[in-house]
């Protein structure tokens, strides 16, 4: 009986550890996705501001378009890596 109790405790500890680790990994992924969304949103706002201030075809707007594309690529690259 004592042997079974020890095995059950060990099994329960292992399951708990897996659940804890799985939850932490999921939370990390969610956090990473939120950061990506914020980064892209900020880049979109910067592009809109540059267009309003300097015009659709201005150098500033072109720079902001490039930065937006880089932010999107980075997020896709990071997402694919994980």
PDB file of N, CA and C in Angstrom:
ATOM      1  N   UNK A   1       0.817  -1.184   0.000  1.00  0.00           N
ATOM      2  CA  UNK A   1       0.000   0.000   0.000  1.00  0.00           C
ATOM      3  C   UNK A   1       0.871   1.263   0.000  1.00  0.00           C
ATOM      4  N   UNK A   2       1.923   1.279   0.799  1.00  0.00           N
ATOM      5  CA  UNK A   2       2.810   2.439   0.870  1.00  0.00           C
ATOM      6  C   UNK A   2       3.544   2.642  -0.453  1.00  0.00           C
ATOM      7  N   UNK A   3       3.889   1.545  -1.126  1.00  0.00           N
ATOM      8  CA  UNK A   3       4.539   1.658  -2.430  1.00  0.00           C
ATOM      9  C   UNK A   3       3.610   2.340  -3.441  1.00  0.00           C
ATOM     10  N   UNK A   4       2.343   1.956  -3.430  1.00  0.00           N
ATOM     11  CA  UNK A   4       1.381   2.556  -4.362  1.00  0.00           C
ATOM     12  C   UNK A   4       1.174   4.041  -4.075  1.00  0.00           C
ATOM     13  N   UNK A   5       1.158   4.401  -2.802  1.00  0.00           N
ATOM     14  CA  UNK A   5       0.998   5.801  -2.425  1.00  0.00           C
ATOM     15  C   UNK A   5       2.180   6.631  -2.920  1.00  0.00           C
ATOM     16  N   UNK A   6       3.369   6.094  -2.814  1.00  0.00           N
ATOM     17  CA  UNK A   6       4.562   6.790  -3.299  1.00  0.00           C
ATOM     18  C   UNK A   6       4.535   6.955  -4.805  1.00  0.00           C
ATOM     19  N   UNK A   7       4.115   5.929  -5.514  1.00  0.00           N
ATOM     20  CA  UNK A   7       4.027   6.001  -6.975  1.00  0.00           C
ATOM     21  C   UNK A   7       2.948   6.994  -7.399  1.00  0.00           C
ATOM     22  N   UNK A   8       1.836   6.991  -6.672  1.00  0.00           N
ATOM     23  CA  UNK A   8       0.755   7.914  -6.995  1.00  0.00           C
ATOM     24  C   UNK A   8       1.204   9.350  -6.771  1.00  0.00           C
ATOM     25  N   UNK A   9       1.910   9.582  -5.681  1.00  0.00           N
ATOM     26  CA  UNK A   9       2.420  10.927  -5.399  1.00  0.00           C
ATOM     27  C   UNK A   9       3.414  11.380  -6.453  1.00  0.00           C
ATOM     28  N   UNK A  10       4.273  10.460  -6.861  1.00  0.00           N
ATOM     29  CA  UNK A  10       5.254  10.776  -7.889  1.00  0.00           C
ATOM     30  C   UNK A  10       4.562  11.092  -9.213  1.00  0.00           C
ATOM     31  N   UNK A  11       3.569  10.301  -9.550  1.00  0.00           N
ATOM     32  CA  UNK A  11       2.819  10.524 -10.783  1.00  0.00           C
ATOM     33  C   UNK A  11       2.074  11.857 -10.724  1.00  0.00           C
ATOM     34  N   UNK A  12       1.440  12.140  -9.589  1.00  0.00           N
ATOM     35  CA  UNK A  12       0.712  13.398  -9.431  1.00  0.00           C
ATOM     36  C   UNK A  12       1.673  14.578  -9.539  1.00  0.00           C
ATOM     37  N   UNK A  13       2.853  14.455  -8.957  1.00  0.00           N
ATOM     38  CA  UNK A  13       3.850  15.522  -9.054  1.00  0.00           C
ATOM     39  C   UNK A  13       4.296  15.743 -10.494  1.00  0.00           C
ATOM     40  N   UNK A  14       4.469  14.666 -11.224  1.00  0.00           N
ATOM     41  CA  UNK A  14       4.883  14.775 -12.627  1.00  0.00           C
ATOM     42  C   UNK A  14       3.796  15.441 -13.463  1.00  0.00           C
ATOM     43  N   UNK A  15       2.554  15.046 -13.242  1.00  0.00           N
ATOM     44  CA  UNK A  15       1.436  15.645 -13.986  1.00  0.00           C
ATOM     45  C   UNK A  15       1.332  17.131 -13.650  1.00  0.00           C
ATOM     46  N   UNK A  16       1.437  17.468 -12.377  1.00  0.00           N
ATOM     47  CA  UNK A  16       1.384  18.870 -11.958  1.00  0.00           C
ATOM     48  C   UNK A  16       2.498  19.674 -12.636  1.00  0.00           C
ATOM     49  N   UNK A  17       3.696  19.124 -12.663  1.00  0.00           N
ATOM     50  CA  UNK A  17       4.823  19.803 -13.305  1.00  0.00           C
ATOM     51  C   UNK A  17       4.577  20.034 -14.787  1.00  0.00           C
ATOM     52  N   UNK A  18       4.019  19.054 -15.462  1.00  0.00           N
ATOM     53  CA  UNK A  18       3.719  19.205 -16.885  1.00  0.00           C
ATOM     54  C   UNK A  18       2.650  20.276 -17.106  1.00  0.00           C
ATOM     55  N   UNK A  19       1.635  20.261 -16.262  1.00  0.00           N
ATOM     56  CA  UNK A  19       0.581  21.269 -16.396  1.00  0.00           C
ATOM     57  C   UNK A  19       1.129  22.664 -16.129  1.00  0.00           C
ATOM     58  N   UNK A  20       1.968  22.785 -15.132  1.00  0.00           N
ATOM     59  CA  UNK A  20       2.558  24.081 -14.799  1.00  0.00           C
ATOM     60  C   UNK A  20       3.442  24.578 -15.927  1.00  0.00           C
ATOM     61  N   UNK A  21       4.292  23.711 -16.457  1.00  0.00           N
ATOM     62  CA  UNK A  21       5.179  24.093 -17.549  1.00  0.00           C
ATOM     63  C   UNK A  21       4.379  24.440 -18.797  1.00  0.00           C
ATOM     64  N   UNK A  22       3.360  23.637 -19.099  1.00  0.00           N
ATOM     65  CA  UNK A  22       2.529  23.901 -20.271  1.00  0.00           C
ATOM     66  C   UNK A  22       1.822  25.232 -20.168  1.00  0.00           C
ATOM     67  N   UNK A  23       1.335  25.563 -18.982  1.00  0.00           N
ATOM     68  CA  UNK A  23       0.673  26.846 -18.774  1.00  0.00           C
ATOM     69  C   UNK A  23       1.639  27.999 -18.929  1.00  0.00           C
ATOM     70  N   UNK A  24       2.846  27.841 -18.433  1.00  0.00           N
ATOM     71  CA  UNK A  24       3.852  28.898 -18.542  1.00  0.00           C
ATOM     72  C   UNK A  24       4.248  29.114 -19.997  1.00  0.00           C
ATOM     73  N   UNK A  25       4.391  28.039 -20.743  1.00  0.00           N
ATOM     74  CA  UNK A  25       4.761  28.156 -22.158  1.00  0.00           C
ATOM     75  C   UNK A  25       3.651  28.860 -22.935  1.00  0.00           C
ATOM     76  N   UNK A  26       2.406  28.518 -22.627  1.00  0.00           N
ATOM     77  CA  UNK A  26       1.272  29.130 -23.306  1.00  0.00           C
ATOM     78  C   UNK A  26       1.199  30.629 -22.960  1.00  0.00           C
ATOM     79  N   UNK A  27       1.419  30.968 -21.703  1.00  0.00           N
ATOM     80  CA  UNK A  27       1.398  32.368 -21.280  1.00  0.00           C
ATOM     81  C   UNK A  27       2.508  33.149 -21.972  1.00  0.00           C
ATOM     82  N   UNK A  28       3.674  32.529 -22.123  1.00  0.00           N
ATOM     83  CA  UNK A  28       4.791  33.184 -22.804  1.00  0.00           C
ATOM     84  C   UNK A  28       4.437  33.440 -24.269  1.00  0.00           C
ATOM     85  N   UNK A  29       3.824  32.466 -24.917  1.00  0.00           N
ATOM     86  CA  UNK A  29       3.434  32.631 -26.316  1.00  0.00           C
ATOM     87  C   UNK A  29       2.391  33.733 -26.461  1.00  0.00           C
ATOM     88  N   UNK A  30       1.423  33.765 -25.550  1.00  0.00           N
ATOM     89  CA  UNK A  30       0.401  34.816 -25.590  1.00  0.00           C
ATOM     90  C   UNK A  30       1.037  36.183 -25.417  1.00  0.00           C
ATOM     91  N   UNK A  31       1.981  36.288 -24.492  1.00  0.00           N
ATOM     92  CA  UNK A  31       2.673  37.548 -24.237  1.00  0.00           C
ATOM     93  C   UNK A  31       3.465  37.992 -25.469  1.00  0.00           C
ATOM     94  N   UNK A  32       4.117  37.035 -26.121  1.00  0.00           N
ATOM     95  CA  UNK A  32       4.897  37.333 -27.325  1.00  0.00           C
ATOM     96  C   UNK A  32       3.975  37.834 -28.434  1.00  0.00           C
ATOM     97  N   UNK A  33       2.796  37.196 -28.581  1.00  0.00           N
ATOM     98  CA  UNK A  33       1.839  37.622 -29.594  1.00  0.00           C
ATOM     99  C   UNK A  33       1.316  39.024 -29.309  1.00  0.00           C
ATOM    100  N   UNK A  34       1.063  39.328 -28.047  1.00  0.00           N
ATOM    101  CA  UNK A  34       0.596  40.668 -27.677  1.00  0.00           C
ATOM    102  C   UNK A  34       1.647  41.719 -28.003  1.00  0.00           C
ATOM    103  N   UNK A  35       2.909  41.406 -27.727  1.00  0.00           N
ATOM    104  CA  UNK A  35       3.983  42.360 -28.046  1.00  0.00           C
ATOM    105  C   UNK A  35       4.048  42.601 -29.547  1.00  0.00           C
ATOM    106  N   UNK A  36       3.888  41.551 -30.326  1.00  0.00           N
ATOM    107  CA  UNK A  36       3.904  41.690 -31.785  1.00  0.00           C
ATOM    108  C   UNK A  36       2.750  42.561 -32.248  1.00  0.00           C
ATOM    109  N   UNK A  37       1.571  42.301 -31.722  1.00  0.00           N
ATOM    110  CA  UNK A  37       0.405  43.102 -32.104  1.00  0.00           C
ATOM    111  C   UNK A  37       0.614  44.572 -31.766  1.00  0.00           C
ATOM    112  N   UNK A  38       1.165  44.845 -30.589  1.00  0.00           N
ATOM    113  CA  UNK A  38       1.425  46.236 -30.194  1.00  0.00           C
ATOM    114  C   UNK A  38       2.455  46.880 -31.112  1.00  0.00           C
ATOM    115  N   UNK A  39       3.500  46.127 -31.450  1.00  0.00           N
ATOM    116  CA  UNK A  39       4.557  46.655 -32.312  1.00  0.00           C
ATOM    117  C   UNK A  39       4.000  47.000 -33.696  1.00  0.00           C
ATOM    118  N   UNK A  40       3.174  46.121 -34.239  1.00  0.00           N
ATOM    119  CA  UNK A  40       2.571  46.367 -35.553  1.00  0.00           C
ATOM    120  C   UNK A  40       1.606  47.542 -35.477  1.00  0.00           C
ATOM    121  N   UNK A  41       0.793  47.592 -34.428  1.00  0.00           N
ATOM    122  CA  UNK A  41      -0.169  48.688 -34.268  1.00  0.00           C
ATOM    123  C   UNK A  41       0.563  50.034 -34.194  1.00  0.00           C
ATOM    124  N   UNK A  42       1.640  50.077 -33.447  1.00  0.00           N
ATOM    125  CA  UNK A  42       2.416  51.320 -33.323  1.00  0.00           C
ATOM    126  C   UNK A  42       3.006  51.715 -34.675  1.00  0.00           C
ATOM    127  N   UNK A  43       3.516  50.742 -35.428  1.00  0.00           N
ATOM    128  CA  UNK A  43       4.076  51.032 -36.749  1.00  0.00           C
ATOM    129  C   UNK A  43       2.991  51.544 -37.696  1.00  0.00           C
ATOM    130  N   UNK A  44       1.775  50.985 -37.593  1.00  0.00           N
ATOM    131  CA  UNK A  44       0.666  51.469 -38.423  1.00  0.00           C
ATOM    132  C   UNK A  44       0.302  52.909 -38.063  1.00  0.00           C
ATOM    133  N   UNK A  45       0.258  53.202 -36.769  1.00  0.00           N
ATOM    134  CA  UNK A  45      -0.029  54.579 -36.342  1.00  0.00           C
ATOM    135  C   UNK A  45       1.044  55.537 -36.840  1.00  0.00           C
ATOM    136  N   UNK A  46       2.307  55.124 -36.776  1.00  0.00           N
ATOM    137  CA  UNK A  46       3.403  55.981 -37.249  1.00  0.00           C
ATOM    138  C   UNK A  46       3.275  56.243 -38.747  1.00  0.00           C
ATOM    139  N   UNK A  47       2.863  55.239 -39.506  1.00  0.00           N
ATOM    140  CA  UNK A  47       2.665  55.422 -40.945  1.00  0.00           C
ATOM    141  C   UNK A  47       1.530  56.411 -41.199  1.00  0.00           C
ATOM    142  N   UNK A  48       0.412  56.225 -40.505  1.00  0.00           N
ATOM    143  CA  UNK A  48      -0.720  57.136 -40.687  1.00  0.00           C
ATOM    144  C   UNK A  48      -0.330  58.575 -40.357  1.00  0.00           C
ATOM    145  N   UNK A  49       0.424  58.749 -39.294  1.00  0.00           N
ATOM    146  CA  UNK A  49       0.869  60.088 -38.896  1.00  0.00           C
ATOM    147  C   UNK A  49       1.785  60.698 -39.965  1.00  0.00           C
ATOM    148  N   UNK A  50       2.700  59.899 -40.492  1.00  0.00           N
ATOM    149  CA  UNK A  50       3.615  60.397 -41.521  1.00  0.00           C
ATOM    150  C   UNK A  50       2.857  60.789 -42.783  1.00  0.00           C
ATOM    151  N   UNK A  51       1.843  60.008 -43.152  1.00  0.00           N
ATOM    152  CA  UNK A  51       1.049  60.332 -44.341  1.00  0.00           C
ATOM    153  C   UNK A  51       0.289  61.640 -44.122  1.00  0.00           C
ATOM    154  N   UNK A  52      -0.307  61.794 -42.961  1.00  0.00           N
ATOM    155  CA  UNK A  52      -1.049  63.036 -42.670  1.00  0.00           C
ATOM    156  C   UNK A  52      -0.126  64.258 -42.696  1.00  0.00           C
ATOM    157  N   UNK A  53       1.047  64.113 -42.118  1.00  0.00           N
ATOM    158  CA  UNK A  53       1.951  65.265 -41.987  1.00  0.00           C
ATOM    159  C   UNK A  53       2.736  65.581 -43.257  1.00  0.00           C
ATOM    160  N   UNK A  54       3.125  64.511 -43.979  1.00  0.00           N
ATOM    161  CA  UNK A  54       4.077  64.719 -45.076  1.00  0.00           C
ATOM    162  C   UNK A  54       3.568  64.284 -46.450  1.00  0.00           C
ATOM    163  N   UNK A  55       2.444  63.579 -46.481  1.00  0.00           N
ATOM    164  CA  UNK A  55       1.903  63.140 -47.767  1.00  0.00           C
ATOM    165  C   UNK A  55       2.145  61.656 -48.021  1.00  0.00           C
ATOM    166  N   UNK A  56       1.282  61.117 -48.874  1.00  0.00           N
ATOM    167  CA  UNK A  56       1.271  59.676 -49.183  1.00  0.00           C
ATOM    168  C   UNK A  56       2.609  59.181 -49.747  1.00  0.00           C
ATOM    169  N   UNK A  57       3.220  59.987 -50.588  1.00  0.00           N
ATOM    170  CA  UNK A  57       4.441  59.544 -51.278  1.00  0.00           C
ATOM    171  C   UNK A  57       5.719  60.174 -50.713  1.00  0.00           C
ATOM    172  N   UNK A  58       5.637  60.705 -49.529  1.00  0.00           N
ATOM    173  CA  UNK A  58       6.805  61.364 -48.928  1.00  0.00           C
ATOM    174  C   UNK A  58       7.855  60.335 -48.490  1.00  0.00           C
ATOM    175  N   UNK A  59       9.058  60.837 -48.312  1.00  0.00           N
ATOM    176  CA  UNK A  59      10.142  59.989 -47.813  1.00  0.00           C
ATOM    177  C   UNK A  59       9.793  59.441 -46.434  1.00  0.00           C
ATOM    178  N   UNK A  60       9.189  60.278 -45.602  1.00  0.00           N
ATOM    179  CA  UNK A  60       8.832  59.857 -44.247  1.00  0.00           C
ATOM    180  C   UNK A  60       7.804  58.717 -44.282  1.00  0.00           C
ATOM    181  N   UNK A  61       6.817  58.834 -45.165  1.00  0.00           N
ATOM    182  CA  UNK A  61       5.808  57.778 -45.286  1.00  0.00           C
ATOM    183  C   UNK A  61       6.453  56.489 -45.808  1.00  0.00           C
ATOM    184  N   UNK A  62       7.355  56.622 -46.754  1.00  0.00           N
ATOM    185  CA  UNK A  62       8.047  55.436 -47.280  1.00  0.00           C
ATOM    186  C   UNK A  62       8.857  54.752 -46.169  1.00  0.00           C
ATOM    187  N   UNK A  63       9.531  55.549 -45.354  1.00  0.00           N
ATOM    188  CA  UNK A  63      10.298  54.990 -44.229  1.00  0.00           C
ATOM    189  C   UNK A  63       9.380  54.248 -43.264  1.00  0.00           C
ATOM    190  N   UNK A  64       8.231  54.839 -42.975  1.00  0.00           N
ATOM    191  CA  UNK A  64       7.284  54.201 -42.048  1.00  0.00           C
ATOM    192  C   UNK A  64       6.683  52.936 -42.643  1.00  0.00           C
ATOM    193  N   UNK A  65       6.464  52.903 -43.950  1.00  0.00           N
ATOM    194  CA  UNK A  65       5.981  51.672 -44.596  1.00  0.00           C
ATOM    195  C   UNK A  65       7.018  50.559 -44.450  1.00  0.00           C
ATOM    196  N   UNK A  66       8.270  50.923 -44.652  1.00  0.00           N
ATOM    197  CA  UNK A  66       9.353  49.945 -44.501  1.00  0.00           C
ATOM    198  C   UNK A  66       9.404  49.426 -43.065  1.00  0.00           C
ATOM    199  N   UNK A  67       9.268  50.319 -42.093  1.00  0.00           N
ATOM    200  CA  UNK A  67       9.286  49.906 -40.689  1.00  0.00           C
ATOM    201  C   UNK A  67       8.095  49.008 -40.349  1.00  0.00           C
ATOM    202  N   UNK A  68       6.942  49.313 -40.925  1.00  0.00           N
ATOM    203  CA  UNK A  68       5.763  48.466 -40.703  1.00  0.00           C
ATOM    204  C   UNK A  68       5.995  47.075 -41.283  1.00  0.00           C
ATOM    205  N   UNK A  69       6.527  47.011 -42.461  1.00  0.00           N
ATOM    206  CA  UNK A  69       6.810  45.711 -43.087  1.00  0.00           C
ATOM    207  C   UNK A  69       7.833  44.928 -42.264  1.00  0.00           C
ATOM    208  N   UNK A  70       8.854  45.613 -41.765  1.00  0.00           N
ATOM    209  CA  UNK A  70       9.849  44.939 -40.925  1.00  0.00           C
ATOM    210  C   UNK A  70       9.218  44.403 -39.643  1.00  0.00           C
ATOM    211  N   UNK A  71       8.316  45.164 -39.037  1.00  0.00           N
ATOM    212  CA  UNK A  71       7.640  44.703 -37.812  1.00  0.00           C
ATOM    213  C   UNK A  71       6.798  43.462 -38.106  1.00  0.00           C
ATOM    214  N   UNK A  72       6.084  43.475 -39.224  1.00  0.00           N
ATOM    215  CA  UNK A  72       5.266  42.312 -39.599  1.00  0.00           C
ATOM    216  C   UNK A  72       6.135  41.091 -39.868  1.00  0.00           C
ATOM    217  N   UNK A  73       7.219  41.290 -40.605  1.00  0.00           N
ATOM    218  CA  UNK A  73       8.120  40.173 -40.905  1.00  0.00           C
ATOM    219  C   UNK A  73       8.724  39.600 -39.633  1.00  0.00           C
ATOM    220  N   UNK A  74       9.126  40.468 -38.721  1.00  0.00           N
ATOM    221  CA  UNK A  74       9.718  40.006 -37.461  1.00  0.00           C
ATOM    222  C   UNK A  74       8.723  39.149 -36.680  1.00  0.00           C
ATOM    223  N   UNK A  75       7.488  39.606 -36.600  1.00  0.00           N
ATOM    224  CA  UNK A  75       6.483  38.841 -35.866  1.00  0.00           C
ATOM    225  C   UNK A  75       6.227  37.487 -36.522  1.00  0.00           C
ATOM    226  N   UNK A  76       6.126  37.462 -37.845  1.00  0.00           N
ATOM    227  CA  UNK A  76       5.907  36.192 -38.536  1.00  0.00           C
ATOM    228  C   UNK A  76       7.103  35.267 -38.347  1.00  0.00           C
ATOM    229  N   UNK A  77       8.288  35.821 -38.419  1.00  0.00           N
ATOM    230  CA  UNK A  77       9.514  35.030 -38.245  1.00  0.00           C
ATOM    231  C   UNK A  77       9.573  34.466 -36.826  1.00  0.00           C
ATOM    232  N   UNK A  78       9.286  35.305 -35.823  1.00  0.00           N
ATOM    233  CA  UNK A  78       9.299  34.855 -34.434  1.00  0.00           C
ATOM    234  C   UNK A  78       8.221  33.804 -34.193  1.00  0.00           C
ATOM    235  N   UNK A  79       7.045  33.998 -34.797  1.00  0.00           N
ATOM    236  CA  UNK A  79       5.945  33.050 -34.618  1.00  0.00           C
ATOM    237  C   UNK A  79       6.305  31.696 -35.230  1.00  0.00           C
ATOM    238  N   UNK A  80       6.899  31.721 -36.420  1.00  0.00           N
ATOM    239  CA  UNK A  80       7.287  30.462 -37.081  1.00  0.00           C
ATOM    240  C   UNK A  80       8.382  29.733 -36.326  1.00  0.00           C
ATOM    241  N   UNK A  81       9.251  30.483 -35.668  1.00  0.00           N
ATOM    242  CA  UNK A  81      10.369  29.892 -34.943  1.00  0.00           C
ATOM    243  C   UNK A  81       9.898  29.166 -33.705  1.00  0.00           C
ATOM    244  N   UNK A  82       8.817  29.639 -33.096  1.00  0.00           N
ATOM    245  CA  UNK A  82       8.334  29.030 -31.863  1.00  0.00           C
ATOM    246  C   UNK A  82       7.202  28.162 -32.205  1.00  0.00           C
TER     247      UNK A  82
END
